[in-house]
Amino acid sequence: MKILIDVMSGDNAPLELIKGAILAEKEYKGHEFVIVGDENIISDVVVKNEFDLGNIKIHHAPNVINMEDRPLAVVREKKDSSMGVGLKLLADGEGDAFVSAGNTGALITGATLIVKRIPGINRAAIASILPLTCPVMLMDSGANLNVSSDNICQFAFMGAKYMEKIYNIDRPRIGQLNNGTEYNKGNALQVESYQLLTESGLNFVGNVESKEVPFGVCDVLVTDGYTGNILLKSIEGMGKFLLKMLKEVLTTNFVTKASTLTMKAKIKEIKHRFDASEHGGAPLLGITKPVIKAHGSSDANAIKNAVRQAIFFVESEINKDIFSFAQDYDEKKLIADADKAYGV
C-alpha cells in the first residue's frame, strides 16, 4: 500500500516528520511512502542532516496550513498546501492512507470536503485511544463541538467496529460520558442519546462518569468533541503530572534512588503507557479513505506509529464495515421517520 505523509504541518515540521517517515520506511517493509511538502525545504533538511530517504518519494506542495489558519483555508486559499495536496492525492486514488500532524479543524474540513464522508455518516469523528491500562476509544475527541443524539449513536457504531477489528474485542462495551450514571442525567442531548443507544443493539453499558473511565468500564466512550477533547487532554496532563511527581519522590535521596533501580522496568512501562507518541495518531472515522490525525507536537517516533495506525486501518478494511453499517442505518432511519410522519 502507499502511505502519504504531510511533513510540513505540526510543531516539529519538517525535521521530525521527515525522520518519522524514514523510520516508518525502514520498519514497515513492503509499503510505499510519499512525503508531501515543499521539495526545496525537504531537500535542504535531507542534505543538512545527511538523511537517506531510501525509496521514499517526494510530492511537491509549496504551501502549508498553519495552526492559526481557518479550517476552510485547506480548500480555498491554501489548496496547494501539503495538507490540501495530500488529501487530494488520497481522494484521487494516488495513495491508500494519509497522515498529518497539522491543524485539526483544517484536516477535518479537508477530509470531509475533499476525500468525502461515507454516505449515510453525518459527521466524521476523531477516534482517540486513551492511554490507560485497557484501551478505551474516545469518540469524539475534537472534531465536532456540537452534535446530535443521532451523531452520538453513529460514533458508537463506528467506534465499536474499530475496536472489534483493531483490538479483537467481541461486542465492545459502549459507554456515554456523563455527569452521573442514571439514565436521566445530563442535558437533553445525553438523555436522548441514552435512549437511542439503549435501542441500538450495541452492547451499551450506560452512562459513565469521568472518574470511572481509567478503570476499564467500557471499550468505547462517546461524547461531543468539545467535552471529549477536554477529557483527553486532562488524562494526558494528569499522566505527565503523576510521572513528574513519581520522579521527584524517587530521586529524593540516596535510598530512594537506589530503590528506583529495582523498579526500573515498571517505571518504564508506566511512562510508555502515558506517552502519546506510542499511540501515534487517531483515525478520522466516517471518511471514505483512511486519514490519521497525529498529535501537533509529534516527534519522529509518533509519526512512525501514526503510519502504523494507517497501515492497520487499511489492512483491517474497517471502512467496509462502516459503509455497510451506514447504509443499513440510513435505511432504518428513513423508515422510522416515515412511520413517525404518518403516525405509525
Protein backbone atom coordinates (compact mmCIF):
# COMPACT_ATOMS: atom_id res chain seq x y z
CA MET A 1 0.00 0.00 0.00
CA LYS A 2 1.00 3.63 -0.43
CA ILE A 3 1.07 5.92 2.61
CA LEU A 4 1.02 9.71 2.15
CA ILE A 5 2.67 11.78 4.91
CA ASP A 6 2.28 15.54 5.32
CA VAL A 7 5.74 16.59 6.54
CA MET A 8 5.16 20.36 6.63
CA SER A 9 2.40 20.54 9.27
CA GLY A 10 2.83 20.38 13.04
CA ASP A 11 5.04 21.90 15.72
CA ASN A 12 8.14 19.90 14.75
CA ALA A 13 7.83 20.06 10.97
CA PRO A 14 9.57 19.30 8.78
CA LEU A 15 12.60 17.71 10.54
CA GLU A 16 10.86 15.29 12.93
CA LEU A 17 8.22 14.35 10.37
CA ILE A 18 10.81 13.52 7.74
CA LYS A 19 12.69 11.46 10.35
CA GLY A 20 9.42 9.71 11.21
CA ALA A 21 8.81 8.85 7.56
CA ILE A 22 12.33 7.41 7.32
CA LEU A 23 11.76 5.30 10.46
CA ALA A 24 8.46 4.05 9.02
CA GLU A 25 10.03 3.15 5.68
CA LYS A 26 12.68 1.10 7.48
CA GLU A 27 10.27 -0.66 9.84
CA TYR A 28 7.23 -1.27 7.65
CA LYS A 29 8.72 -3.08 4.69
CA GLY A 30 6.72 -3.77 1.56
CA HIS A 31 4.88 -0.44 1.59
CA GLU A 32 5.37 2.70 -0.45
CA PHE A 33 5.84 6.08 1.21
CA VAL A 34 5.30 9.54 -0.24
CA ILE A 35 6.15 12.65 1.78
CA VAL A 36 4.19 15.74 0.79
CA GLY A 37 5.64 19.23 1.16
CA ASP A 38 7.92 21.90 -0.27
CA GLU A 39 10.52 19.95 -2.25
CA ASN A 40 13.24 22.59 -1.76
CA ILE A 41 12.80 22.71 2.02
CA ILE A 42 12.67 18.91 2.28
CA SER A 43 15.81 18.53 0.16
CA ASP A 44 17.66 21.08 2.32
CA VAL A 45 16.73 19.19 5.51
CA VAL A 46 17.75 15.86 3.98
CA VAL A 47 21.15 17.19 2.84
CA LYS A 48 21.86 19.11 6.06
CA ASN A 49 21.12 16.08 8.26
CA GLU A 50 22.65 13.54 5.85
CA PHE A 51 19.40 11.55 5.71
CA ASP A 52 18.88 8.63 3.37
CA LEU A 53 15.30 8.71 2.08
CA GLY A 54 15.64 5.22 0.67
CA ASN A 55 12.61 4.54 -1.54
CA ILE A 56 10.59 7.44 -0.14
CA LYS A 57 9.26 9.74 -2.84
CA ILE A 58 8.65 13.49 -2.52
CA HIS A 59 5.47 15.12 -3.85
CA HIS A 60 5.86 18.88 -4.09
CA ALA A 61 3.39 21.18 -2.29
CA PRO A 62 4.61 24.80 -1.99
CA ASN A 63 2.33 25.98 0.80
CA VAL A 64 1.47 24.96 4.37
CA ILE A 65 -1.58 25.20 6.64
CA ASN A 66 -0.60 26.90 9.90
CA MET A 67 -2.28 26.28 13.25
CA GLU A 68 -3.80 29.79 13.06
CA ASP A 69 -5.39 29.24 9.63
CA ARG A 70 -9.14 28.89 9.46
CA PRO A 71 -10.40 25.39 8.58
CA LEU A 72 -11.66 26.35 5.11
CA ALA A 73 -8.20 27.55 4.07
CA VAL A 74 -7.37 23.98 3.02
CA VAL A 75 -10.00 24.09 0.25
CA ARG A 76 -9.75 27.77 -0.62
CA GLU A 77 -6.67 29.99 -0.40
CA LYS A 78 -4.27 27.14 0.51
CA LYS A 79 -5.35 24.30 -1.73
CA ASP A 80 -1.67 23.95 -2.68
CA SER A 81 -0.66 23.27 0.93
CA SER A 82 0.92 19.96 1.95
CA MET A 83 -2.34 19.04 3.70
CA GLY A 84 -4.57 20.04 0.78
CA VAL A 85 -2.38 18.32 -1.81
CA GLY A 86 -2.06 15.17 0.32
CA LEU A 87 -5.82 14.89 0.77
CA LYS A 88 -6.37 15.43 -2.98
CA LEU A 89 -3.88 12.67 -3.77
CA LEU A 90 -5.77 10.36 -1.40
CA ALA A 91 -9.13 11.27 -2.94
CA ASP A 92 -7.76 10.65 -6.45
CA GLY A 93 -6.52 7.19 -5.58
CA GLU A 94 -2.83 8.18 -5.51
CA GLY A 95 -2.46 6.80 -2.00
CA ASP A 96 -4.19 4.41 0.41
CA ALA A 97 -3.96 6.50 3.59
CA PHE A 98 -2.91 9.99 4.67
CA VAL A 99 -1.12 11.07 7.86
CA SER A 100 -0.92 14.67 9.11
CA ALA A 101 0.03 16.38 12.39
CA GLY A 102 -1.47 19.65 11.22
CA ASN A 103 -4.37 21.96 12.09
CA THR A 104 -7.20 19.72 13.34
CA GLY A 105 -10.03 21.89 12.01
CA ALA A 106 -8.45 22.14 8.57
CA LEU A 107 -7.76 18.40 8.43
CA ILE A 108 -11.36 17.52 9.32
CA THR A 109 -12.72 20.09 6.87
CA GLY A 110 -10.38 18.93 4.11
CA ALA A 111 -11.12 15.26 4.72
CA THR A 112 -14.86 15.97 4.66
CA LEU A 113 -14.88 18.17 1.55
CA ILE A 114 -12.05 16.60 -0.48
CA VAL A 115 -11.99 12.91 0.47
CA LYS A 116 -15.71 12.97 1.46
CA ARG A 117 -17.73 11.34 4.21
CA ILE A 118 -19.07 7.82 3.91
CA PRO A 119 -22.65 8.09 2.57
CA GLY A 120 -25.06 7.95 5.49
CA ILE A 121 -22.50 9.17 8.06
CA ASN A 122 -23.48 12.67 9.17
CA ARG A 123 -20.24 13.64 10.95
CA ALA A 124 -16.70 12.30 10.86
CA ALA A 125 -15.16 11.91 14.33
CA ILE A 126 -11.65 11.71 15.78
CA ALA A 127 -11.20 8.33 17.42
CA SER A 128 -8.51 8.62 20.11
CA ILE A 129 -7.23 5.73 22.18
CA LEU A 130 -6.90 6.87 25.79
CA PRO A 131 -3.54 5.94 27.42
CA LEU A 132 -4.98 3.61 30.04
CA THR A 133 -4.39 0.03 31.23
CA CYS A 134 -7.12 -1.26 28.94
CA PRO A 135 -7.58 0.51 25.59
CA VAL A 136 -10.58 2.86 25.56
CA MET A 137 -11.59 4.60 22.37
CA LEU A 138 -12.89 8.14 22.82
CA MET A 139 -15.42 9.23 20.19
CA ASP A 140 -15.32 12.19 19.50
CA SER A 141 -12.10 13.77 20.78
CA GLY A 142 -12.19 17.08 18.96
CA ALA A 143 -13.84 17.09 15.54
CA ASN A 144 -17.38 18.20 16.44
CA LEU A 145 -18.16 20.79 19.11
CA ASN A 146 -21.92 20.49 18.65
CA VAL A 147 -23.56 17.15 17.94
CA SER A 148 -26.98 15.49 17.86
CA SER A 149 -28.07 12.25 19.51
CA ASP A 150 -28.01 10.69 16.03
CA ASN A 151 -24.32 11.67 15.70
CA ILE A 152 -23.56 10.13 19.11
CA CYS A 153 -25.20 6.86 18.04
CA GLN A 154 -23.18 6.77 14.81
CA PHE A 155 -19.98 7.49 16.76
CA ALA A 156 -20.78 4.46 18.92
CA PHE A 157 -21.27 2.16 15.92
CA MET A 158 -18.07 3.32 14.20
CA GLY A 159 -16.06 3.06 17.41
CA ALA A 160 -17.37 -0.44 18.03
CA LYS A 161 -16.34 -1.54 14.53
CA TYR A 162 -12.84 -0.14 15.05
CA MET A 163 -12.34 -1.85 18.42
CA GLU A 164 -13.63 -5.15 17.01
CA LYS A 165 -11.14 -5.06 14.14
CA ILE A 166 -8.05 -3.47 15.67
CA TYR A 167 -8.22 -4.83 19.23
CA ASN A 168 -10.17 -8.02 18.50
CA ILE A 169 -12.81 -7.18 21.14
CA ASP A 170 -16.04 -9.11 20.75
CA ARG A 171 -19.09 -6.85 21.18
CA PRO A 172 -17.24 -3.82 22.59
CA ARG A 173 -18.90 -2.16 25.59
CA ILE A 174 -20.22 1.30 24.77
CA GLY A 175 -20.44 4.00 27.45
CA GLN A 176 -21.72 7.56 27.25
CA LEU A 177 -19.68 10.18 29.10
CA ASN A 178 -21.95 11.94 31.58
CA ASN A 179 -22.02 13.60 34.99
CA GLY A 180 -23.87 10.67 36.53
CA THR A 181 -24.79 7.07 35.76
CA GLU A 182 -28.60 7.45 35.93
CA TYR A 183 -30.48 7.30 32.61
CA ASN A 184 -31.94 10.79 33.11
CA LYS A 185 -28.64 12.53 33.89
CA GLY A 186 -27.20 15.31 31.74
CA ASN A 187 -28.89 17.67 29.34
CA ALA A 188 -31.36 16.88 26.56
CA LEU A 189 -28.60 15.53 24.30
CA GLN A 190 -27.39 12.95 26.82
CA VAL A 191 -30.92 11.83 27.73
CA GLU A 192 -31.94 11.40 24.09
CA SER A 193 -28.64 9.70 23.20
CA TYR A 194 -29.09 7.30 26.10
CA GLN A 195 -32.45 6.22 24.67
CA LEU A 196 -31.06 5.74 21.14
CA LEU A 197 -28.05 3.78 22.39
CA THR A 198 -30.31 1.56 24.52
CA GLU A 199 -32.33 0.68 21.41
CA SER A 200 -29.30 0.41 19.06
CA GLY A 201 -28.48 -3.26 19.51
CA LEU A 202 -24.97 -2.31 20.63
CA ASN A 203 -23.50 -3.53 23.92
CA PHE A 204 -24.43 -0.28 25.68
CA VAL A 205 -23.43 -0.26 29.37
CA GLY A 206 -24.99 3.12 30.18
CA ASN A 207 -23.66 6.47 31.34
CA VAL A 208 -20.05 6.65 32.55
CA GLU A 209 -18.61 9.27 34.90
CA SER A 210 -15.15 10.58 34.03
CA LYS A 211 -13.69 9.23 37.30
CA GLU A 212 -14.56 5.67 36.19
CA VAL A 213 -13.00 5.90 32.72
CA PRO A 214 -9.49 4.74 33.77
CA PHE A 215 -10.88 1.54 35.32
CA GLY A 216 -11.99 -0.22 32.14
CA VAL A 217 -15.76 0.16 32.49
CA CYS A 218 -16.19 0.45 28.72
CA ASP A 219 -14.30 -0.07 25.45
CA VAL A 220 -15.78 2.88 23.53
CA LEU A 221 -16.69 6.16 25.22
CA VAL A 222 -18.95 8.51 23.23
CA THR A 223 -19.45 12.24 23.69
CA ASP A 224 -19.27 15.53 21.78
CA GLY A 225 -15.86 16.71 20.53
CA TYR A 226 -15.63 19.64 22.94
CA THR A 227 -16.11 17.52 26.07
CA GLY A 228 -14.06 14.67 24.63
CA ASN A 229 -11.09 16.88 23.86
CA ILE A 230 -11.08 18.27 27.40
CA LEU A 231 -11.18 14.73 28.83
CA LEU A 232 -8.37 13.57 26.53
CA LYS A 233 -6.06 16.44 27.41
CA SER A 234 -6.89 16.15 31.11
CA ILE A 235 -5.86 12.49 31.10
CA GLU A 236 -2.67 13.25 29.15
CA GLY A 237 -1.83 16.13 31.50
CA MET A 238 -2.53 14.10 34.63
CA GLY A 239 -0.32 11.31 33.30
CA LYS A 240 2.59 13.73 32.85
CA PHE A 241 1.93 15.25 36.28
CA LEU A 242 1.96 11.87 38.04
CA LEU A 243 5.16 10.84 36.26
CA LYS A 244 6.78 14.12 37.32
CA MET A 245 5.70 13.58 40.94
CA LEU A 246 6.93 9.98 40.85
CA LYS A 247 10.32 11.12 39.57
CA GLU A 248 10.60 13.68 42.37
CA VAL A 249 9.74 11.10 45.02
CA LEU A 250 12.15 8.51 43.64
CA THR A 251 15.07 10.96 43.45
CA THR A 252 14.65 12.46 46.93
CA ASN A 253 17.77 10.86 48.44
CA PHE A 254 20.27 8.05 48.03
CA VAL A 255 17.89 5.40 49.41
CA THR A 256 15.04 6.28 47.06
CA LYS A 257 17.46 6.49 44.14
CA ALA A 258 18.78 3.04 44.93
CA SER A 259 15.28 1.59 45.22
CA THR A 260 14.43 3.06 41.81
CA LEU A 261 16.79 0.56 40.20
CA THR A 262 14.60 -2.32 41.37
CA MET A 263 11.53 -0.71 39.80
CA LYS A 264 13.14 0.50 36.60
CA ALA A 265 11.19 -1.84 34.30
CA LYS A 266 7.82 -0.99 35.90
CA ILE A 267 8.50 2.75 35.77
CA LYS A 268 9.43 2.46 32.11
CA GLU A 269 6.19 0.56 31.48
CA ILE A 270 4.13 3.32 33.14
CA LYS A 271 5.94 6.02 31.18
CA HIS A 272 5.37 4.08 27.96
CA ARG A 273 1.63 3.83 28.70
CA PHE A 274 1.18 7.58 29.11
CA ASP A 275 3.41 8.50 26.17
CA ALA A 276 1.12 9.90 23.45
CA SER A 277 3.78 9.22 20.80
CA GLU A 278 3.37 5.47 21.31
CA HIS A 279 -0.23 5.67 20.10
CA GLY A 280 0.89 7.64 17.07
CA GLY A 281 -2.33 9.13 15.85
CA ALA A 282 -6.09 8.98 15.83
CA PRO A 283 -8.12 7.90 12.80
CA LEU A 284 -10.91 10.09 11.42
CA LEU A 285 -13.79 7.62 11.32
CA GLY A 286 -16.56 8.28 8.82
CA ILE A 287 -14.29 9.37 5.94
CA THR A 288 -14.26 7.26 2.75
CA LYS A 289 -10.50 6.65 2.97
CA PRO A 290 -8.15 6.39 5.97
CA VAL A 291 -7.00 9.75 7.37
CA ILE A 292 -4.85 9.73 10.52
CA LYS A 293 -4.54 12.80 12.76
CA ALA A 294 -1.19 12.80 14.53
CA HIS A 295 -0.60 14.97 17.60
CA GLY A 296 0.51 18.51 16.76
CA SER A 297 3.69 18.04 18.81
CA SER A 298 4.52 14.68 17.23
CA ASP A 299 8.17 13.65 17.10
CA ALA A 300 9.68 11.09 14.73
CA ASN A 301 8.53 8.13 16.83
CA ALA A 302 4.96 9.43 16.94
CA ILE A 303 4.88 9.83 13.16
CA LYS A 304 6.23 6.30 12.69
CA ASN A 305 3.47 4.99 14.95
CA ALA A 306 0.85 7.09 13.16
CA VAL A 307 1.93 5.33 9.97
CA ARG A 308 1.43 2.01 11.79
CA GLN A 309 -2.13 3.12 12.60
CA ALA A 310 -2.68 3.95 8.93
CA ILE A 311 -1.45 0.53 7.83
CA PHE A 312 -3.69 -1.24 10.36
CA PHE A 313 -6.65 0.86 9.21
CA VAL A 314 -6.18 -0.13 5.57
CA GLU A 315 -5.41 -3.80 6.22
CA SER A 316 -8.36 -4.31 8.58
CA GLU A 317 -10.83 -2.93 5.99
CA ILE A 318 -12.79 -1.20 8.75
CA ASN A 319 -14.33 1.18 6.24
CA LYS A 320 -16.13 -1.70 4.51
CA ASP A 321 -17.96 -2.41 7.76
CA ILE A 322 -18.72 1.29 8.30
CA PHE A 323 -20.03 1.62 4.73
CA SER A 324 -22.33 -1.35 5.34
CA PHE A 325 -23.48 -0.04 8.73
CA ALA A 326 -24.15 3.46 7.34
CA GLN A 327 -26.30 2.14 4.52
CA ASP A 328 -28.34 -0.02 6.90
CA TYR A 329 -28.57 2.80 9.47
CA ASP A 330 -29.77 5.27 6.82
CA GLU A 331 -32.46 2.89 5.57
CA LYS A 332 -33.75 2.22 9.09
CA LYS A 333 -33.81 5.95 9.86
CA LEU A 334 -35.81 6.69 6.70
CA ILE A 335 -38.35 4.03 7.68
CA ALA A 336 -38.55 5.34 11.26
CA ASP A 337 -39.02 8.93 10.04
CA ALA A 338 -41.74 7.83 7.63
CA ASP A 339 -43.52 5.88 10.38
CA LYS A 340 -43.34 8.95 12.64
CA ALA A 341 -44.66 11.24 9.91
CA TYR A 342 -47.67 9.00 9.32
CA GLY A 343 -48.26 8.35 13.00
CA VAL A 344 -47.43 4.64 12.83
